[in-house]
Amino acid sequence: MSSPVVLHLLRCSRSLLTRRPSHHTCTAPGQVGGASNRGVGVRFVSGAVSVRPVAWDSFGIWDDRIEEPVFLPSSIRYGKHNPQVSVSRVGSSSVLGLRKQNEDRLRVARIHENIQLYAVFDGHGGSHAAEYCYTFMEKYIRDALEEDDDLERVLKKAFLDVDKALHTHLSYFNNPSFLTAGTTATVAMLRGEELVVGNAGDSRAILSRGGEAKKLTRDHCPDLRDERERIKRCGGFVTWNSAGVSHVNGRLAMTRSIGDFHLKTSGVIAEPETRRVTLNH
């Protein structure tokens, strides 16, 4: 069955496009029928057999759904509509807590027509590293996407590149204390039904599935045996404070981060761990 025929059938199917049989009628290919036509437009569908532009619908508010364009490939695959959520509808919040200044940075962006970026950078030792990642991580991801389509490899390359660039940037100030600034980095990239998360540090990514919270990352702390062994191989050591919290060389409570250049020779690395998840729409 050709793509235009599939699209025509989708538009004619009340089970996919509407819950109220009296509001929509079957329309010819290339047209959109229904109570609201505000979302009519044209997109190229990634991965489709045909490379010709296809039309997409917007869903109204009569069924309490947000009005967004439909992501066609997964809608066809799962037999139900899958809206492309706009980044403008993504919420974020950061609480200062007991610190004098907020060293956290949050980033939400659409970096490609079908790729969204969600990032958390929890800074320490100053906001220099978190601010740099907030400003430039997206750039390094875009650069990596020009060379590779695998999102896990893209994230690994971007993390290492931004870490190297941050060292060059902070060195210009000729202030050794700046080189002790660091940040966690937890970055999620969403492409259709594919979700890829990369993290370095102890910020967490959580997926809600079936009403249950699923951890997508693990905290990189010296308590982990493999992380602790790497620290020791590189000449570092691990201590525990009175609260039982482990630290690298008695200074940093994580074994991976961007920045913290004074601890790089002790085994603290910027390479992220990555995970790929297929979302159930």
C-alpha atoms as a PDB file:
ATOM      1  CA  MET A   1       0.000   0.000   0.000  1.00  0.00           C
ATOM      2  CA  SER A   2       1.450   3.342  -0.961  1.00  0.00           C
ATOM      3  CA  SER A   3       2.010   6.145   1.562  1.00  0.00           C
ATOM      4  CA  PRO A   4      -0.662   8.433   0.028  1.00  0.00           C
ATOM      5  CA  VAL A   5      -3.239   5.633   0.329  1.00  0.00           C
ATOM      6  CA  VAL A   6      -2.288   5.011   3.955  1.00  0.00           C
ATOM      7  CA  LEU A   7      -2.629   8.700   4.702  1.00  0.00           C
ATOM      8  CA  HIS A   8      -6.021   8.830   3.023  1.00  0.00           C
ATOM      9  CA  LEU A   9      -7.231   5.883   5.070  1.00  0.00           C
ATOM     10  CA  LEU A  10      -5.942   7.479   8.251  1.00  0.00           C
ATOM     11  CA  ARG A  11      -7.891  10.637   7.568  1.00  0.00           C
ATOM     12  CA  CYS A  12     -11.034   8.632   6.892  1.00  0.00           C
ATOM     13  CA  SER A  13     -10.741   6.589  10.090  1.00  0.00           C
ATOM     14  CA  ARG A  14     -12.801   7.988  12.935  1.00  0.00           C
ATOM     15  CA  SER A  15     -11.083   5.657  15.385  1.00  0.00           C
ATOM     16  CA  LEU A  16      -7.751   7.380  14.748  1.00  0.00           C
ATOM     17  CA  LEU A  17      -8.625  10.994  14.135  1.00  0.00           C
ATOM     18  CA  THR A  18     -11.744  11.744  16.153  1.00  0.00           C
ATOM     19  CA  ARG A  19     -13.874  10.566  19.019  1.00  0.00           C
ATOM     20  CA  ARG A  20     -17.019  12.298  17.780  1.00  0.00           C
ATOM     21  CA  PRO A  21     -18.426  10.745  14.621  1.00  0.00           C
ATOM     22  CA  SER A  22     -20.572  13.770  13.826  1.00  0.00           C
ATOM     23  CA  HIS A  23     -17.695  16.265  13.623  1.00  0.00           C
ATOM     24  CA  HIS A  24     -15.479  14.858  10.851  1.00  0.00           C
ATOM     25  CA  THR A  25     -16.004  13.728   7.325  1.00  0.00           C
ATOM     26  CA  CYS A  26     -13.778  11.867   4.908  1.00  0.00           C
ATOM     27  CA  THR A  27     -11.730  14.209   2.731  1.00  0.00           C
ATOM     28  CA  ALA A  28      -9.649  13.840  -0.357  1.00  0.00           C
ATOM     29  CA  PRO A  29      -5.888  13.225  -0.101  1.00  0.00           C
ATOM     30  CA  GLY A  30      -4.015  16.444   0.658  1.00  0.00           C
ATOM     31  CA  GLN A  31      -6.966  17.954   2.573  1.00  0.00           C
ATOM     32  CA  VAL A  32      -7.889  17.953   6.238  1.00  0.00           C
ATOM     33  CA  GLY A  33     -11.448  17.842   7.450  1.00  0.00           C
ATOM     34  CA  GLY A  34     -12.996  18.421  10.827  1.00  0.00           C
ATOM     35  CA  ALA A  35     -14.045  21.080  13.255  1.00  0.00           C
ATOM     36  CA  SER A  36     -10.698  22.871  13.229  1.00  0.00           C
ATOM     37  CA  ASN A  37      -8.214  23.366  10.399  1.00  0.00           C
ATOM     38  CA  ARG A  38      -5.740  25.559  12.230  1.00  0.00           C
ATOM     39  CA  GLY A  39      -3.035  22.888  12.272  1.00  0.00           C
ATOM     40  CA  VAL A  40      -2.937  22.110   8.557  1.00  0.00           C
ATOM     41  CA  GLY A  41       0.590  21.971   7.161  1.00  0.00           C
ATOM     42  CA  VAL A  42       3.121  19.883   5.293  1.00  0.00           C
ATOM     43  CA  ARG A  43       6.047  17.860   6.645  1.00  0.00           C
ATOM     44  CA  PHE A  44       8.470  15.303   5.265  1.00  0.00           C
ATOM     45  CA  VAL A  45       8.202  12.038   7.151  1.00  0.00           C
ATOM     46  CA  SER A  46      11.502  10.543   8.247  1.00  0.00           C
ATOM     47  CA  GLY A  47      11.827   6.856   7.451  1.00  0.00           C
ATOM     48  CA  ALA A  48       8.743   6.694   5.219  1.00  0.00           C
ATOM     49  CA  VAL A  49       8.856   4.843   1.915  1.00  0.00           C
ATOM     50  CA  SER A  50       7.940   7.962  -0.021  1.00  0.00           C
ATOM     51  CA  VAL A  51       9.947  11.175   0.287  1.00  0.00           C
ATOM     52  CA  ARG A  52       7.048  13.306  -0.921  1.00  0.00           C
ATOM     53  CA  PRO A  53       5.552  15.770   1.580  1.00  0.00           C
ATOM     54  CA  VAL A  54       2.565  14.542   3.554  1.00  0.00           C
ATOM     55  CA  ALA A  55      -0.141  16.462   5.381  1.00  0.00           C
ATOM     56  CA  TRP A  56      -0.595  16.395   9.142  1.00  0.00           C
ATOM     57  CA  ASP A  57      -3.549  17.178  11.364  1.00  0.00           C
ATOM     58  CA  SER A  58      -3.915  19.041  14.618  1.00  0.00           C
ATOM     59  CA  PHE A  59      -6.165  17.691  17.331  1.00  0.00           C
ATOM     60  CA  GLY A  60      -8.635  20.026  18.982  1.00  0.00           C
ATOM     61  CA  ILE A  61      -9.389  20.393  22.668  1.00  0.00           C
ATOM     62  CA  TRP A  62     -12.740  18.576  22.677  1.00  0.00           C
ATOM     63  CA  ASP A  63     -11.086  15.422  24.040  1.00  0.00           C
ATOM     64  CA  ASP A  64      -8.843  17.263  26.540  1.00  0.00           C
ATOM     65  CA  ARG A  65      -5.756  16.685  24.414  1.00  0.00           C
ATOM     66  CA  ILE A  66      -3.216  19.343  23.604  1.00  0.00           C
ATOM     67  CA  GLU A  67      -3.346  20.657  20.074  1.00  0.00           C
ATOM     68  CA  GLU A  68      -0.164  19.466  18.379  1.00  0.00           C
ATOM     69  CA  PRO A  69       0.832  18.072  14.975  1.00  0.00           C
ATOM     70  CA  VAL A  70       0.767  14.287  14.658  1.00  0.00           C
ATOM     71  CA  PHE A  71       3.968  12.261  14.453  1.00  0.00           C
ATOM     72  CA  LEU A  72       2.905  10.081  11.558  1.00  0.00           C
ATOM     73  CA  PRO A  73       5.329   7.058  11.587  1.00  0.00           C
ATOM     74  CA  SER A  74       4.572   5.974  15.159  1.00  0.00           C
ATOM     75  CA  SER A  75       0.867   6.822  14.755  1.00  0.00           C
ATOM     76  CA  ILE A  76       0.696   4.318  11.909  1.00  0.00           C
ATOM     77  CA  ARG A  77       2.811   1.787  13.785  1.00  0.00           C
ATOM     78  CA  TYR A  78       0.766   1.799  17.003  1.00  0.00           C
ATOM     79  CA  GLY A  79      -2.622   2.500  15.436  1.00  0.00           C
ATOM     80  CA  LYS A  80      -3.288   5.602  17.529  1.00  0.00           C
ATOM     81  CA  HIS A  81      -2.341   9.236  17.212  1.00  0.00           C
ATOM     82  CA  ASN A  82       1.016  10.326  18.627  1.00  0.00           C
ATOM     83  CA  PRO A  83       1.347  14.118  18.882  1.00  0.00           C
ATOM     84  CA  GLN A  84       4.651  15.895  18.478  1.00  0.00           C
ATOM     85  CA  VAL A  85       4.802  17.841  21.725  1.00  0.00           C
ATOM     86  CA  SER A  86       6.157  21.346  21.354  1.00  0.00           C
ATOM     87  CA  VAL A  87       9.086  22.328  23.557  1.00  0.00           C
ATOM     88  CA  SER A  88       7.019  25.342  24.580  1.00  0.00           C
ATOM     89  CA  ARG A  89       4.828  22.923  26.553  1.00  0.00           C
ATOM     90  CA  VAL A  90       7.724  21.437  28.511  1.00  0.00           C
ATOM     91  CA  GLY A  91       7.969  22.696  32.080  1.00  0.00           C
ATOM     92  CA  SER A  92      11.047  23.089  34.255  1.00  0.00           C
ATOM     93  CA  SER A  93      11.820  24.244  37.779  1.00  0.00           C
ATOM     94  CA  SER A  94      14.954  24.839  39.841  1.00  0.00           C
ATOM     95  CA  VAL A  95      15.072  25.497  43.598  1.00  0.00           C
ATOM     96  CA  LEU A  96      17.944  27.460  45.136  1.00  0.00           C
ATOM     97  CA  GLY A  97      17.884  25.689  48.470  1.00  0.00           C
ATOM     98  CA  LEU A  98      20.426  26.788  51.088  1.00  0.00           C
ATOM     99  CA  ARG A  99      23.054  28.085  48.664  1.00  0.00           C
ATOM    100  CA  LYS A 100      23.623  31.789  48.073  1.00  0.00           C
ATOM    101  CA  GLN A 101      23.360  31.439  44.315  1.00  0.00           C
ATOM    102  CA  ASN A 102      21.778  28.938  41.962  1.00  0.00           C
ATOM    103  CA  GLU A 103      24.391  26.920  40.092  1.00  0.00           C
ATOM    104  CA  ASP A 104      21.835  24.792  38.227  1.00  0.00           C
ATOM    105  CA  ARG A 105      21.070  25.267  34.551  1.00  0.00           C
ATOM    106  CA  LEU A 106      18.205  23.688  32.571  1.00  0.00           C
ATOM    107  CA  ARG A 107      17.979  23.503  28.799  1.00  0.00           C
ATOM    108  CA  VAL A 108      15.038  22.550  26.565  1.00  0.00           C
ATOM    109  CA  ALA A 109      15.350  22.965  22.807  1.00  0.00           C
ATOM    110  CA  ARG A 110      14.354  21.557  19.438  1.00  0.00           C
ATOM    111  CA  ILE A 111      17.646  20.962  17.658  1.00  0.00           C
ATOM    112  CA  HIS A 112      16.172  19.312  14.578  1.00  0.00           C
ATOM    113  CA  GLU A 113      12.716  18.981  13.096  1.00  0.00           C
ATOM    114  CA  ASN A 114      12.339  15.579  14.751  1.00  0.00           C
ATOM    115  CA  ILE A 115      14.818  15.807  17.662  1.00  0.00           C
ATOM    116  CA  GLN A 116      14.224  17.458  21.014  1.00  0.00           C
ATOM    117  CA  LEU A 117      16.828  18.112  23.702  1.00  0.00           C
ATOM    118  CA  TYR A 118      16.291  18.137  27.482  1.00  0.00           C
ATOM    119  CA  ALA A 119      19.273  18.817  29.721  1.00  0.00           C
ATOM    120  CA  VAL A 120      20.103  19.369  33.393  1.00  0.00           C
ATOM    121  CA  PHE A 121      23.451  20.781  34.527  1.00  0.00           C
ATOM    122  CA  ASP A 122      23.961  20.856  38.314  1.00  0.00           C
ATOM    123  CA  GLY A 123      27.013  23.007  38.912  1.00  0.00           C
ATOM    124  CA  HIS A 124      29.410  23.006  41.845  1.00  0.00           C
ATOM    125  CA  GLY A 125      32.421  25.121  42.731  1.00  0.00           C
ATOM    126  CA  GLY A 126      30.774  28.036  40.964  1.00  0.00           C
ATOM    127  CA  SER A 127      28.413  28.286  38.013  1.00  0.00           C
ATOM    128  CA  HIS A 128      31.121  28.542  35.312  1.00  0.00           C
ATOM    129  CA  ALA A 129      30.891  24.928  34.109  1.00  0.00           C
ATOM    130  CA  ALA A 130      27.096  24.684  34.267  1.00  0.00           C
ATOM    131  CA  GLU A 131      26.694  27.994  32.444  1.00  0.00           C
ATOM    132  CA  TYR A 132      29.130  26.914  29.727  1.00  0.00           C
ATOM    133  CA  CYS A 133      27.288  23.628  29.179  1.00  0.00           C
ATOM    134  CA  TYR A 134      23.951  25.435  29.117  1.00  0.00           C
ATOM    135  CA  THR A 135      25.284  27.733  26.402  1.00  0.00           C
ATOM    136  CA  PHE A 136      27.353  25.355  24.270  1.00  0.00           C
ATOM    137  CA  MET A 137      26.241  21.727  24.780  1.00  0.00           C
ATOM    138  CA  GLU A 138      23.571  22.142  22.116  1.00  0.00           C
ATOM    139  CA  LYS A 139      26.194  23.402  19.636  1.00  0.00           C
ATOM    140  CA  TYR A 140      28.427  20.370  20.158  1.00  0.00           C
ATOM    141  CA  ILE A 141      25.464  18.035  19.795  1.00  0.00           C
ATOM    142  CA  ARG A 142      24.528  19.713  16.517  1.00  0.00           C
ATOM    143  CA  ASP A 143      28.116  19.372  15.308  1.00  0.00           C
ATOM    144  CA  ALA A 144      28.184  15.677  16.204  1.00  0.00           C
ATOM    145  CA  LEU A 145      24.848  15.084  14.436  1.00  0.00           C
ATOM    146  CA  GLU A 146      26.405  16.291  11.191  1.00  0.00           C
ATOM    147  CA  GLU A 147      28.841  13.363  11.349  1.00  0.00           C
ATOM    148  CA  ASP A 148      26.787  10.616  12.988  1.00  0.00           C
ATOM    149  CA  ASP A 149      23.135   9.578  13.225  1.00  0.00           C
ATOM    150  CA  ASP A 150      23.553   7.351  16.288  1.00  0.00           C
ATOM    151  CA  LEU A 151      22.338   9.408  19.240  1.00  0.00           C
ATOM    152  CA  GLU A 152      24.377   7.478  21.807  1.00  0.00           C
ATOM    153  CA  ARG A 153      27.621   8.159  19.950  1.00  0.00           C
ATOM    154  CA  VAL A 154      26.511  11.757  19.396  1.00  0.00           C
ATOM    155  CA  LEU A 155      26.078  12.329  23.132  1.00  0.00           C
ATOM    156  CA  LYS A 156      29.398  10.722  24.030  1.00  0.00           C
ATOM    157  CA  LYS A 157      31.254  12.870  21.528  1.00  0.00           C
ATOM    158  CA  ALA A 158      29.449  16.056  22.588  1.00  0.00           C
ATOM    159  CA  PHE A 159      30.217  15.487  26.291  1.00  0.00           C
ATOM    160  CA  LEU A 160      33.925  14.991  25.646  1.00  0.00           C
ATOM    161  CA  ASP A 161      34.121  17.906  23.210  1.00  0.00           C
ATOM    162  CA  VAL A 162      32.388  20.350  25.549  1.00  0.00           C
ATOM    163  CA  ASP A 163      34.643  19.239  28.420  1.00  0.00           C
ATOM    164  CA  LYS A 164      37.738  19.928  26.332  1.00  0.00           C
ATOM    165  CA  ALA A 165      36.373  23.285  25.177  1.00  0.00           C
ATOM    166  CA  LEU A 166      35.498  24.259  28.768  1.00  0.00           C
ATOM    167  CA  HIS A 167      39.094  23.659  29.852  1.00  0.00           C
ATOM    168  CA  THR A 168      40.337  25.952  27.094  1.00  0.00           C
ATOM    169  CA  HIS A 169      37.747  28.572  28.005  1.00  0.00           C
ATOM    170  CA  LEU A 170      38.514  28.598  31.744  1.00  0.00           C
ATOM    171  CA  SER A 171      42.264  28.640  31.140  1.00  0.00           C
ATOM    172  CA  TYR A 172      41.970  32.054  29.485  1.00  0.00           C
ATOM    173  CA  PHE A 173      41.102  33.645  32.853  1.00  0.00           C
ATOM    174  CA  ASN A 174      44.445  32.607  34.364  1.00  0.00           C
ATOM    175  CA  ASN A 175      42.669  31.825  37.619  1.00  0.00           C
ATOM    176  CA  PRO A 176      43.354  28.310  38.963  1.00  0.00           C
ATOM    177  CA  SER A 177      40.191  28.350  41.068  1.00  0.00           C
ATOM    178  CA  PHE A 178      38.068  28.467  37.907  1.00  0.00           C
ATOM    179  CA  LEU A 179      39.457  25.096  36.860  1.00  0.00           C
ATOM    180  CA  THR A 180      37.961  23.521  39.980  1.00  0.00           C
ATOM    181  CA  ALA A 181      34.416  24.352  38.831  1.00  0.00           C
ATOM    182  CA  GLY A 182      32.401  21.432  37.526  1.00  0.00           C
ATOM    183  CA  THR A 183      28.928  20.254  36.725  1.00  0.00           C
ATOM    184  CA  THR A 184      26.863  17.143  36.330  1.00  0.00           C
ATOM    185  CA  ALA A 185      25.292  16.651  32.918  1.00  0.00           C
ATOM    186  CA  THR A 186      22.154  14.669  32.199  1.00  0.00           C
ATOM    187  CA  VAL A 187      20.987  15.072  28.623  1.00  0.00           C
ATOM    188  CA  ALA A 188      18.020  13.375  26.968  1.00  0.00           C
ATOM    189  CA  MET A 189      17.376  13.388  23.235  1.00  0.00           C
ATOM    190  CA  LEU A 190      13.960  12.440  21.895  1.00  0.00           C
ATOM    191  CA  ARG A 191      13.564  11.377  18.261  1.00  0.00           C
ATOM    192  CA  GLY A 192      10.124  10.021  17.506  1.00  0.00           C
ATOM    193  CA  GLU A 193       9.706   6.991  19.753  1.00  0.00           C
ATOM    194  CA  GLU A 194      13.456   6.781  20.437  1.00  0.00           C
ATOM    195  CA  LEU A 195      14.719   8.249  23.707  1.00  0.00           C
ATOM    196  CA  VAL A 196      18.465   8.349  24.380  1.00  0.00           C
ATOM    197  CA  VAL A 197      19.865   9.592  27.701  1.00  0.00           C
ATOM    198  CA  GLY A 198      23.469  10.376  28.540  1.00  0.00           C
ATOM    199  CA  ASN A 199      24.659  11.283  32.029  1.00  0.00           C
ATOM    200  CA  ALA A 200      27.841  12.112  33.878  1.00  0.00           C
ATOM    201  CA  GLY A 201      27.485  12.721  37.603  1.00  0.00           C
ATOM    202  CA  ASP A 202      24.572  12.232  39.963  1.00  0.00           C
ATOM    203  CA  SER A 203      21.728  14.105  38.260  1.00  0.00           C
ATOM    204  CA  ARG A 204      18.963  11.674  37.337  1.00  0.00           C
ATOM    205  CA  ALA A 205      16.637  11.003  34.424  1.00  0.00           C
ATOM    206  CA  ILE A 206      13.320   9.380  35.356  1.00  0.00           C
ATOM    207  CA  LEU A 207      10.747   7.857  33.001  1.00  0.00           C
ATOM    208  CA  SER A 208       7.121   7.476  34.039  1.00  0.00           C
ATOM    209  CA  ARG A 209       5.838   4.192  32.585  1.00  0.00           C
ATOM    210  CA  GLY A 210       2.499   2.732  33.538  1.00  0.00           C
ATOM    211  CA  GLY A 211       2.308   5.053  36.525  1.00  0.00           C
ATOM    212  CA  GLU A 212       5.665   3.859  37.864  1.00  0.00           C
ATOM    213  CA  ALA A 213       8.942   5.805  38.006  1.00  0.00           C
ATOM    214  CA  LYS A 214      11.781   4.110  36.099  1.00  0.00           C
ATOM    215  CA  LYS A 215      15.379   5.248  36.557  1.00  0.00           C
ATOM    216  CA  LEU A 216      17.184   5.748  33.268  1.00  0.00           C
ATOM    217  CA  THR A 217      20.527   6.716  34.820  1.00  0.00           C
ATOM    218  CA  ARG A 218      22.720   5.695  37.727  1.00  0.00           C
ATOM    219  CA  ASP A 219      24.517   8.052  40.088  1.00  0.00           C
ATOM    220  CA  HIS A 220      28.254   8.143  39.433  1.00  0.00           C
ATOM    221  CA  CYS A 221      29.642   8.089  42.948  1.00  0.00           C
ATOM    222  CA  PRO A 222      32.713   6.458  44.520  1.00  0.00           C
ATOM    223  CA  ASP A 223      30.476   3.897  46.217  1.00  0.00           C
ATOM    224  CA  LEU A 224      30.133   2.084  42.882  1.00  0.00           C
ATOM    225  CA  ARG A 225      32.777  -0.583  42.652  1.00  0.00           C
ATOM    226  CA  ASP A 226      33.695  -0.040  38.997  1.00  0.00           C
ATOM    227  CA  GLU A 227      33.898   3.724  39.472  1.00  0.00           C
ATOM    228  CA  ARG A 228      35.989   3.397  42.626  1.00  0.00           C
ATOM    229  CA  GLU A 229      38.394   0.980  40.948  1.00  0.00           C
ATOM    230  CA  ARG A 230      38.969   3.435  38.093  1.00  0.00           C
ATOM    231  CA  ILE A 231      39.740   6.201  40.599  1.00  0.00           C
ATOM    232  CA  LYS A 232      42.299   3.991  42.330  1.00  0.00           C
ATOM    233  CA  ARG A 233      43.905   2.870  39.047  1.00  0.00           C
ATOM    234  CA  CYS A 234      44.450   6.507  38.139  1.00  0.00           C
ATOM    235  CA  GLY A 235      46.160   7.284  41.448  1.00  0.00           C
ATOM    236  CA  GLY A 236      43.195   8.793  43.265  1.00  0.00           C
ATOM    237  CA  PHE A 237      41.680   7.728  46.550  1.00  0.00           C
ATOM    238  CA  VAL A 238      38.248   7.619  48.161  1.00  0.00           C
ATOM    239  CA  THR A 239      37.292   8.940  51.596  1.00  0.00           C
ATOM    240  CA  TRP A 240      34.028   8.998  53.541  1.00  0.00           C
ATOM    241  CA  ASN A 241      32.877  11.929  55.642  1.00  0.00           C
ATOM    242  CA  SER A 242      31.043  11.733  58.961  1.00  0.00           C
ATOM    243  CA  ALA A 243      27.709  11.394  57.150  1.00  0.00           C
ATOM    244  CA  GLY A 244      28.970   8.382  55.217  1.00  0.00           C
ATOM    245  CA  VAL A 245      29.179  10.197  51.878  1.00  0.00           C
ATOM    246  CA  SER A 246      32.126   9.113  49.720  1.00  0.00           C
ATOM    247  CA  HIS A 247      34.389  11.632  47.965  1.00  0.00           C
ATOM    248  CA  VAL A 248      37.151  11.456  45.384  1.00  0.00           C
ATOM    249  CA  ASN A 249      40.376  12.657  47.038  1.00  0.00           C
ATOM    250  CA  GLY A 250      38.183  13.959  49.848  1.00  0.00           C
ATOM    251  CA  ARG A 251      36.806  16.698  47.572  1.00  0.00           C
ATOM    252  CA  LEU A 252      34.185  15.563  45.038  1.00  0.00           C
ATOM    253  CA  ALA A 253      31.149  13.354  45.710  1.00  0.00           C
ATOM    254  CA  MET A 254      30.981  12.080  42.104  1.00  0.00           C
ATOM    255  CA  THR A 255      33.299  10.201  39.792  1.00  0.00           C
ATOM    256  CA  ARG A 256      32.145  11.686  36.472  1.00  0.00           C
ATOM    257  CA  SER A 257      31.547  15.307  35.614  1.00  0.00           C
ATOM    258  CA  ILE A 258      32.254  18.039  33.115  1.00  0.00           C
ATOM    259  CA  GLY A 259      34.984  20.289  34.473  1.00  0.00           C
ATOM    260  CA  ASP A 260      36.689  19.510  37.813  1.00  0.00           C
ATOM    261  CA  PHE A 261      39.992  19.576  35.949  1.00  0.00           C
ATOM    262  CA  HIS A 262      42.029  19.346  39.151  1.00  0.00           C
ATOM    263  CA  LEU A 263      40.695  15.785  39.540  1.00  0.00           C
ATOM    264  CA  LYS A 264      40.978  14.547  35.963  1.00  0.00           C
ATOM    265  CA  THR A 265      44.343  12.882  36.699  1.00  0.00           C
ATOM    266  CA  SER A 266      42.675  11.094  39.619  1.00  0.00           C
ATOM    267  CA  GLY A 267      40.155   9.302  37.418  1.00  0.00           C
ATOM    268  CA  VAL A 268      37.225  11.737  37.250  1.00  0.00           C
ATOM    269  CA  ILE A 269      36.038  11.571  33.638  1.00  0.00           C
ATOM    270  CA  ALA A 270      33.533  13.402  31.446  1.00  0.00           C
ATOM    271  CA  GLU A 271      32.524  10.373  29.354  1.00  0.00           C
ATOM    272  CA  PRO A 272      28.824   9.732  29.880  1.00  0.00           C
ATOM    273  CA  GLU A 273      26.973   6.494  30.308  1.00  0.00           C
ATOM    274  CA  THR A 274      24.177   6.257  27.764  1.00  0.00           C
ATOM    275  CA  ARG A 275      20.914   4.375  27.526  1.00  0.00           C
ATOM    276  CA  ARG A 276      18.435   3.941  24.686  1.00  0.00           C
ATOM    277  CA  VAL A 277      14.732   3.401  25.362  1.00  0.00           C
ATOM    278  CA  THR A 278      11.823   2.858  22.984  1.00  0.00           C
ATOM    279  CA  LEU A 279       8.837   4.805  24.230  1.00  0.00           C
ATOM    280  CA  ASN A 280       5.396   3.240  24.366  1.00  0.00           C
ATOM    281  CA  HIS A 281       3.060   5.830  22.904  1.00  0.00           C
END
